[in-house]
């Protein structure tokens, strides 16, 4: 942990847990927890650990991942400011189902007695149910993608997801500061690094994207959507 690390953007992403709370609920959450900071690359939660606390991100992005029996990393999601993490273990009392790693310097609120907070704020318990249901639907959608799309289609879909959440206007398109390496993007699309590299080259050759070090510029959003479908 590095207290001097610069914070990232602090505005909650639309639809994330913190953005759905009222000012009173958000104040109650902050009062129930304590702030923490982590450097880029730090593991915030580890798959298999027993834990009784949740984390709400207040700045920065993390990857949520798991490992296969052979040791291959599978990226399950990228979460940003406002996201709730670790809620499954608090709900069912089982060990962590995934590892959470900082993709950049991150800050968050650690809440150890989250169930007490939910009991005091009944509306938030309903929001939590909606969030969990949404994540299950998202997981189902990705399973369908893995069976129905080729690697280029899955890569295009993930780039569109990042553009919708983190994209910024740029000359000739939409710029996405890509927080993932090609290995991590491979783990997010259920592909090999070589297949992802080939898919990115194919998308570049079509004039849909331009790539650089940890960034992508999407020049043709509609074309990328067609390729994703």
C-alpha atoms as a PDB file:
ATOM      1  CA  UNK A   1       0.000   0.000   0.000  1.00  0.00           C
ATOM      2  CA  UNK A   2       1.307   3.442  -0.920  1.00  0.00           C
ATOM      3  CA  UNK A   3      -0.426   6.412   0.742  1.00  0.00           C
ATOM      4  CA  UNK A   4       1.260   8.795  -1.695  1.00  0.00           C
ATOM      5  CA  UNK A   5      -0.103   7.105  -4.822  1.00  0.00           C
ATOM      6  CA  UNK A   6      -2.123   9.559  -6.936  1.00  0.00           C
ATOM      7  CA  UNK A   7      -5.828   8.844  -7.066  1.00  0.00           C
ATOM      8  CA  UNK A   8      -7.549   8.020 -10.337  1.00  0.00           C
ATOM      9  CA  UNK A   9     -10.896   9.422 -11.447  1.00  0.00           C
ATOM     10  CA  UNK A  10     -13.317   9.572  -8.517  1.00  0.00           C
ATOM     11  CA  UNK A  11     -16.680   9.769 -10.295  1.00  0.00           C
ATOM     12  CA  UNK A  12     -18.607   6.523  -9.946  1.00  0.00           C
ATOM     13  CA  UNK A  13     -19.396   4.709 -13.160  1.00  0.00           C
ATOM     14  CA  UNK A  14     -23.118   4.726 -14.026  1.00  0.00           C
ATOM     15  CA  UNK A  15     -24.801   1.575 -12.777  1.00  0.00           C
ATOM     16  CA  UNK A  16     -22.060   0.685 -10.310  1.00  0.00           C
ATOM     17  CA  UNK A  17     -23.005   0.123  -6.665  1.00  0.00           C
ATOM     18  CA  UNK A  18     -21.857   3.472  -5.243  1.00  0.00           C
ATOM     19  CA  UNK A  19     -23.630   5.467  -7.960  1.00  0.00           C
ATOM     20  CA  UNK A  20     -26.955   3.871  -6.978  1.00  0.00           C
ATOM     21  CA  UNK A  21     -26.852   4.959  -3.332  1.00  0.00           C
ATOM     22  CA  UNK A  22     -28.543   8.049  -1.960  1.00  0.00           C
ATOM     23  CA  UNK A  23     -26.275  10.630  -0.271  1.00  0.00           C
ATOM     24  CA  UNK A  24     -27.463   9.350   3.116  1.00  0.00           C
ATOM     25  CA  UNK A  25     -26.740   5.712   2.189  1.00  0.00           C
ATOM     26  CA  UNK A  26     -23.315   6.633   0.824  1.00  0.00           C
ATOM     27  CA  UNK A  27     -22.511   8.512   4.020  1.00  0.00           C
ATOM     28  CA  UNK A  28     -23.605   5.499   6.072  1.00  0.00           C
ATOM     29  CA  UNK A  29     -21.371   3.237   3.977  1.00  0.00           C
ATOM     30  CA  UNK A  30     -18.339   5.468   4.496  1.00  0.00           C
ATOM     31  CA  UNK A  31     -19.067   5.619   8.233  1.00  0.00           C
ATOM     32  CA  UNK A  32     -19.232   1.809   8.365  1.00  0.00           C
ATOM     33  CA  UNK A  33     -15.869   1.337   6.636  1.00  0.00           C
ATOM     34  CA  UNK A  34     -12.383   2.715   6.367  1.00  0.00           C
ATOM     35  CA  UNK A  35     -10.468   4.065   3.354  1.00  0.00           C
ATOM     36  CA  UNK A  36      -7.551   2.184   1.787  1.00  0.00           C
ATOM     37  CA  UNK A  37      -5.164   2.666  -1.129  1.00  0.00           C
ATOM     38  CA  UNK A  38      -3.308   0.126  -3.258  1.00  0.00           C
ATOM     39  CA  UNK A  39      -0.571   0.421  -5.890  1.00  0.00           C
ATOM     40  CA  UNK A  40      -0.931  -0.827  -9.449  1.00  0.00           C
ATOM     41  CA  UNK A  41      -0.378  -4.583  -9.572  1.00  0.00           C
ATOM     42  CA  UNK A  42      -1.340  -5.153  -5.937  1.00  0.00           C
ATOM     43  CA  UNK A  43      -3.641  -8.062  -5.100  1.00  0.00           C
ATOM     44  CA  UNK A  44      -6.658  -6.772  -3.166  1.00  0.00           C
ATOM     45  CA  UNK A  45      -8.438 -10.113  -2.769  1.00  0.00           C
ATOM     46  CA  UNK A  46      -7.207 -13.661  -3.381  1.00  0.00           C
ATOM     47  CA  UNK A  47      -9.246 -16.554  -4.724  1.00  0.00           C
ATOM     48  CA  UNK A  48      -9.810 -19.213  -2.061  1.00  0.00           C
ATOM     49  CA  UNK A  49      -9.247 -16.914   0.924  1.00  0.00           C
ATOM     50  CA  UNK A  50     -11.799 -16.845   3.725  1.00  0.00           C
ATOM     51  CA  UNK A  51     -12.969 -13.272   4.268  1.00  0.00           C
ATOM     52  CA  UNK A  52     -15.805 -11.331   5.836  1.00  0.00           C
ATOM     53  CA  UNK A  53     -15.394  -7.887   4.252  1.00  0.00           C
ATOM     54  CA  UNK A  54     -16.349  -6.107   1.057  1.00  0.00           C
ATOM     55  CA  UNK A  55     -14.643  -3.337  -0.874  1.00  0.00           C
ATOM     56  CA  UNK A  56     -16.248  -0.405  -2.668  1.00  0.00           C
ATOM     57  CA  UNK A  57     -13.908   1.233  -5.169  1.00  0.00           C
ATOM     58  CA  UNK A  58     -13.782   5.025  -4.981  1.00  0.00           C
ATOM     59  CA  UNK A  59     -11.162   5.452  -7.723  1.00  0.00           C
ATOM     60  CA  UNK A  60      -9.259   3.345 -10.223  1.00  0.00           C
ATOM     61  CA  UNK A  61      -9.860   0.057 -12.021  1.00  0.00           C
ATOM     62  CA  UNK A  62      -9.252  -3.575 -11.111  1.00  0.00           C
ATOM     63  CA  UNK A  63      -9.403  -6.908 -12.879  1.00  0.00           C
ATOM     64  CA  UNK A  64     -11.343  -9.814 -11.431  1.00  0.00           C
ATOM     65  CA  UNK A  65      -9.795 -13.144 -12.390  1.00  0.00           C
ATOM     66  CA  UNK A  66      -9.622 -16.845 -11.633  1.00  0.00           C
ATOM     67  CA  UNK A  67      -7.143 -19.582 -12.502  1.00  0.00           C
ATOM     68  CA  UNK A  68      -7.715 -22.940 -14.143  1.00  0.00           C
ATOM     69  CA  UNK A  69      -6.238 -26.171 -12.777  1.00  0.00           C
ATOM     70  CA  UNK A  70      -3.343 -25.738 -15.234  1.00  0.00           C
ATOM     71  CA  UNK A  71      -2.616 -22.244 -13.926  1.00  0.00           C
ATOM     72  CA  UNK A  72      -4.036 -20.272 -16.835  1.00  0.00           C
ATOM     73  CA  UNK A  73      -5.514 -16.939 -15.779  1.00  0.00           C
ATOM     74  CA  UNK A  74      -9.097 -16.262 -16.855  1.00  0.00           C
ATOM     75  CA  UNK A  75     -10.161 -12.619 -16.572  1.00  0.00           C
ATOM     76  CA  UNK A  76     -13.800 -12.483 -15.490  1.00  0.00           C
ATOM     77  CA  UNK A  77     -14.365  -8.731 -15.480  1.00  0.00           C
ATOM     78  CA  UNK A  78     -12.874  -5.273 -15.264  1.00  0.00           C
ATOM     79  CA  UNK A  79     -14.439  -3.157 -12.524  1.00  0.00           C
ATOM     80  CA  UNK A  80     -14.162   0.592 -12.070  1.00  0.00           C
ATOM     81  CA  UNK A  81     -15.000   3.395  -9.693  1.00  0.00           C
ATOM     82  CA  UNK A  82     -18.063   2.702  -7.590  1.00  0.00           C
ATOM     83  CA  UNK A  83     -17.925  -1.085  -7.944  1.00  0.00           C
ATOM     84  CA  UNK A  84     -18.735  -3.427  -5.067  1.00  0.00           C
ATOM     85  CA  UNK A  85     -16.282  -6.323  -4.675  1.00  0.00           C
ATOM     86  CA  UNK A  86     -16.267  -9.385  -2.440  1.00  0.00           C
ATOM     87  CA  UNK A  87     -20.007  -9.485  -1.823  1.00  0.00           C
ATOM     88  CA  UNK A  88     -20.403 -13.184  -2.698  1.00  0.00           C
ATOM     89  CA  UNK A  89     -18.279 -14.336   0.259  1.00  0.00           C
ATOM     90  CA  UNK A  90     -20.224 -12.110   2.637  1.00  0.00           C
ATOM     91  CA  UNK A  91     -23.543 -13.432   1.328  1.00  0.00           C
ATOM     92  CA  UNK A  92     -22.776 -17.172   1.281  1.00  0.00           C
ATOM     93  CA  UNK A  93     -19.889 -17.404   3.769  1.00  0.00           C
ATOM     94  CA  UNK A  94     -17.699 -19.332   1.314  1.00  0.00           C
ATOM     95  CA  UNK A  95     -14.088 -18.501   0.331  1.00  0.00           C
ATOM     96  CA  UNK A  96     -13.368 -15.858  -2.292  1.00  0.00           C
ATOM     97  CA  UNK A  97     -14.408 -17.029  -5.760  1.00  0.00           C
ATOM     98  CA  UNK A  98     -11.918 -14.797  -7.609  1.00  0.00           C
ATOM     99  CA  UNK A  99      -8.764 -12.727  -7.291  1.00  0.00           C
ATOM    100  CA  UNK A 100      -8.946  -8.928  -7.575  1.00  0.00           C
ATOM    101  CA  UNK A 101      -5.854  -7.063  -8.805  1.00  0.00           C
ATOM    102  CA  UNK A 102      -5.289  -3.314  -9.211  1.00  0.00           C
ATOM    103  CA  UNK A 103      -4.801  -2.309 -12.864  1.00  0.00           C
ATOM    104  CA  UNK A 104      -3.746   1.165 -11.707  1.00  0.00           C
ATOM    105  CA  UNK A 105      -3.478   2.933  -8.332  1.00  0.00           C
ATOM    106  CA  UNK A 106      -6.856   2.411  -6.654  1.00  0.00           C
ATOM    107  CA  UNK A 107      -8.692   3.646  -3.588  1.00  0.00           C
ATOM    108  CA  UNK A 108     -11.637   2.116  -1.814  1.00  0.00           C
ATOM    109  CA  UNK A 109     -13.712   1.704   1.312  1.00  0.00           C
ATOM    110  CA  UNK A 110     -13.289  -1.554   3.232  1.00  0.00           C
ATOM    111  CA  UNK A 111     -16.489  -2.528   5.071  1.00  0.00           C
ATOM    112  CA  UNK A 112     -16.127  -5.421   7.518  1.00  0.00           C
ATOM    113  CA  UNK A 113     -19.714  -5.683   8.800  1.00  0.00           C
ATOM    114  CA  UNK A 114     -21.523  -5.272   5.507  1.00  0.00           C
ATOM    115  CA  UNK A 115     -24.525  -7.304   6.675  1.00  0.00           C
ATOM    116  CA  UNK A 116     -25.124  -4.813   9.490  1.00  0.00           C
ATOM    117  CA  UNK A 117     -25.058  -2.000   6.933  1.00  0.00           C
ATOM    118  CA  UNK A 118     -27.616  -3.885   4.813  1.00  0.00           C
ATOM    119  CA  UNK A 119     -29.874  -4.462   7.807  1.00  0.00           C
ATOM    120  CA  UNK A 120     -29.830  -0.729   8.516  1.00  0.00           C
ATOM    121  CA  UNK A 121     -30.475   0.168   4.866  1.00  0.00           C
ATOM    122  CA  UNK A 122     -33.096  -2.187   3.463  1.00  0.00           C
ATOM    123  CA  UNK A 123     -33.252  -0.505   0.058  1.00  0.00           C
ATOM    124  CA  UNK A 124     -29.556  -1.241  -0.476  1.00  0.00           C
ATOM    125  CA  UNK A 125     -30.199  -4.958   0.023  1.00  0.00           C
ATOM    126  CA  UNK A 126     -32.583  -4.845  -2.950  1.00  0.00           C
ATOM    127  CA  UNK A 127     -29.954  -2.976  -4.997  1.00  0.00           C
ATOM    128  CA  UNK A 128     -27.431  -5.668  -4.112  1.00  0.00           C
ATOM    129  CA  UNK A 129     -29.816  -8.350  -5.379  1.00  0.00           C
ATOM    130  CA  UNK A 130     -30.179  -6.451  -8.659  1.00  0.00           C
ATOM    131  CA  UNK A 131     -26.397  -6.111  -9.028  1.00  0.00           C
ATOM    132  CA  UNK A 132     -25.789  -9.809  -8.375  1.00  0.00           C
ATOM    133  CA  UNK A 133     -28.519 -10.728 -10.876  1.00  0.00           C
ATOM    134  CA  UNK A 134     -26.958  -8.407 -13.456  1.00  0.00           C
ATOM    135  CA  UNK A 135     -23.564 -10.053 -13.013  1.00  0.00           C
ATOM    136  CA  UNK A 136     -25.089 -13.498 -13.459  1.00  0.00           C
ATOM    137  CA  UNK A 137     -26.749 -12.344 -16.687  1.00  0.00           C
ATOM    138  CA  UNK A 138     -23.448 -10.899 -17.870  1.00  0.00           C
ATOM    139  CA  UNK A 139     -21.689 -14.192 -17.138  1.00  0.00           C
ATOM    140  CA  UNK A 140     -24.362 -16.069 -19.112  1.00  0.00           C
ATOM    141  CA  UNK A 141     -23.942 -13.670 -22.042  1.00  0.00           C
ATOM    142  CA  UNK A 142     -20.178 -14.200 -22.083  1.00  0.00           C
ATOM    143  CA  UNK A 143     -20.598 -17.984 -22.065  1.00  0.00           C
ATOM    144  CA  UNK A 144     -22.806 -17.654 -25.146  1.00  0.00           C
ATOM    145  CA  UNK A 145     -20.188 -15.423 -26.805  1.00  0.00           C
ATOM    146  CA  UNK A 146     -17.460 -18.007 -26.219  1.00  0.00           C
ATOM    147  CA  UNK A 147     -19.488 -20.622 -28.054  1.00  0.00           C
ATOM    148  CA  UNK A 148     -20.882 -18.443 -30.840  1.00  0.00           C
ATOM    149  CA  UNK A 149     -18.131 -15.911 -31.676  1.00  0.00           C
ATOM    150  CA  UNK A 150     -14.634 -16.312 -33.054  1.00  0.00           C
ATOM    151  CA  UNK A 151     -11.686 -14.646 -31.298  1.00  0.00           C
ATOM    152  CA  UNK A 152     -11.940 -11.428 -33.347  1.00  0.00           C
ATOM    153  CA  UNK A 153     -15.635 -11.153 -32.489  1.00  0.00           C
ATOM    154  CA  UNK A 154     -14.943 -11.620 -28.773  1.00  0.00           C
ATOM    155  CA  UNK A 155     -12.075  -9.102 -28.848  1.00  0.00           C
ATOM    156  CA  UNK A 156     -14.305  -6.593 -30.662  1.00  0.00           C
ATOM    157  CA  UNK A 157     -17.015  -7.090 -28.022  1.00  0.00           C
ATOM    158  CA  UNK A 158     -14.605  -6.470 -25.145  1.00  0.00           C
ATOM    159  CA  UNK A 159     -13.174  -3.357 -26.850  1.00  0.00           C
ATOM    160  CA  UNK A 160     -16.698  -1.996 -27.292  1.00  0.00           C
ATOM    161  CA  UNK A 161     -17.418  -2.676 -23.616  1.00  0.00           C
ATOM    162  CA  UNK A 162     -14.302  -0.756 -22.587  1.00  0.00           C
ATOM    163  CA  UNK A 163     -15.147   2.071 -25.008  1.00  0.00           C
ATOM    164  CA  UNK A 164     -18.671   2.399 -23.612  1.00  0.00           C
ATOM    165  CA  UNK A 165     -17.321   2.593 -20.052  1.00  0.00           C
ATOM    166  CA  UNK A 166     -13.994   4.401 -20.423  1.00  0.00           C
ATOM    167  CA  UNK A 167     -13.846   5.805 -23.956  1.00  0.00           C
ATOM    168  CA  UNK A 168     -12.865   9.428 -24.597  1.00  0.00           C
ATOM    169  CA  UNK A 169     -13.269  11.437 -27.827  1.00  0.00           C
ATOM    170  CA  UNK A 170     -10.068  11.481 -29.885  1.00  0.00           C
ATOM    171  CA  UNK A 171      -9.053  12.665 -33.322  1.00  0.00           C
ATOM    172  CA  UNK A 172     -10.770  10.312 -35.718  1.00  0.00           C
ATOM    173  CA  UNK A 173     -12.450   8.123 -33.150  1.00  0.00           C
ATOM    174  CA  UNK A 174     -12.788   7.028 -29.538  1.00  0.00           C
ATOM    175  CA  UNK A 175      -9.690   6.519 -27.401  1.00  0.00           C
ATOM    176  CA  UNK A 176      -9.630   3.783 -24.780  1.00  0.00           C
ATOM    177  CA  UNK A 177      -6.822   3.682 -22.242  1.00  0.00           C
ATOM    178  CA  UNK A 178      -6.492  -0.087 -22.241  1.00  0.00           C
ATOM    179  CA  UNK A 179      -5.688  -1.297 -18.700  1.00  0.00           C
ATOM    180  CA  UNK A 180      -4.972  -4.846 -19.877  1.00  0.00           C
ATOM    181  CA  UNK A 181      -1.965  -6.487 -21.480  1.00  0.00           C
ATOM    182  CA  UNK A 182      -2.501  -8.805 -24.464  1.00  0.00           C
ATOM    183  CA  UNK A 183      -2.126 -11.773 -22.111  1.00  0.00           C
ATOM    184  CA  UNK A 184      -4.887 -10.376 -19.894  1.00  0.00           C
ATOM    185  CA  UNK A 185      -7.075  -9.559 -22.906  1.00  0.00           C
ATOM    186  CA  UNK A 186      -6.580 -13.171 -23.994  1.00  0.00           C
ATOM    187  CA  UNK A 187      -7.739 -14.305 -20.551  1.00  0.00           C
ATOM    188  CA  UNK A 188     -10.799 -12.060 -20.856  1.00  0.00           C
ATOM    189  CA  UNK A 189     -11.796 -13.455 -24.243  1.00  0.00           C
ATOM    190  CA  UNK A 190     -11.041 -17.119 -23.597  1.00  0.00           C
ATOM    191  CA  UNK A 191      -8.301 -17.121 -26.245  1.00  0.00           C
ATOM    192  CA  UNK A 192      -4.557 -17.502 -26.565  1.00  0.00           C
ATOM    193  CA  UNK A 193      -2.253 -14.497 -26.711  1.00  0.00           C
ATOM    194  CA  UNK A 194      -1.380 -15.410 -30.298  1.00  0.00           C
ATOM    195  CA  UNK A 195      -5.057 -15.534 -31.301  1.00  0.00           C
ATOM    196  CA  UNK A 196      -5.693 -12.129 -29.695  1.00  0.00           C
ATOM    197  CA  UNK A 197      -2.667 -10.637 -31.463  1.00  0.00           C
ATOM    198  CA  UNK A 198      -3.990 -11.978 -34.775  1.00  0.00           C
ATOM    199  CA  UNK A 199      -7.494 -10.637 -34.030  1.00  0.00           C
ATOM    200  CA  UNK A 200      -6.154  -7.156 -33.236  1.00  0.00           C
ATOM    201  CA  UNK A 201      -4.130  -7.202 -36.452  1.00  0.00           C
ATOM    202  CA  UNK A 202      -7.251  -8.178 -38.399  1.00  0.00           C
ATOM    203  CA  UNK A 203      -9.241  -5.322 -36.838  1.00  0.00           C
ATOM    204  CA  UNK A 204      -6.403  -2.902 -37.611  1.00  0.00           C
ATOM    205  CA  UNK A 205      -6.192  -4.092 -41.234  1.00  0.00           C
ATOM    206  CA  UNK A 206      -9.908  -3.385 -41.639  1.00  0.00           C
ATOM    207  CA  UNK A 207      -9.327   0.165 -40.410  1.00  0.00           C
ATOM    208  CA  UNK A 208     -11.582  -0.363 -37.406  1.00  0.00           C
ATOM    209  CA  UNK A 209      -8.981   0.316 -34.712  1.00  0.00           C
ATOM    210  CA  UNK A 210      -5.517   1.676 -34.095  1.00  0.00           C
ATOM    211  CA  UNK A 211      -3.425   0.190 -31.297  1.00  0.00           C
ATOM    212  CA  UNK A 212      -0.584   1.490 -29.171  1.00  0.00           C
ATOM    213  CA  UNK A 213       0.973   0.751 -25.800  1.00  0.00           C
ATOM    214  CA  UNK A 214      -1.978   0.082 -23.451  1.00  0.00           C
ATOM    215  CA  UNK A 215      -4.358   2.107 -25.580  1.00  0.00           C
ATOM    216  CA  UNK A 216      -6.708   1.601 -28.504  1.00  0.00           C
ATOM    217  CA  UNK A 217      -8.346   4.167 -30.762  1.00  0.00           C
ATOM    218  CA  UNK A 218     -11.576   2.927 -32.308  1.00  0.00           C
ATOM    219  CA  UNK A 219     -12.015   4.634 -35.689  1.00  0.00           C
ATOM    220  CA  UNK A 220     -15.246   2.902 -36.711  1.00  0.00           C
ATOM    221  CA  UNK A 221     -17.592   2.069 -33.833  1.00  0.00           C
ATOM    222  CA  UNK A 222     -20.373   0.795 -36.099  1.00  0.00           C
ATOM    223  CA  UNK A 223     -17.953  -1.357 -38.055  1.00  0.00           C
ATOM    224  CA  UNK A 224     -16.605  -2.785 -34.813  1.00  0.00           C
ATOM    225  CA  UNK A 225     -20.138  -3.518 -33.625  1.00  0.00           C
ATOM    226  CA  UNK A 226     -20.865  -5.342 -36.883  1.00  0.00           C
ATOM    227  CA  UNK A 227     -17.687  -7.386 -36.428  1.00  0.00           C
ATOM    228  CA  UNK A 228     -18.665  -8.132 -32.839  1.00  0.00           C
ATOM    229  CA  UNK A 229     -22.009  -9.511 -34.033  1.00  0.00           C
END
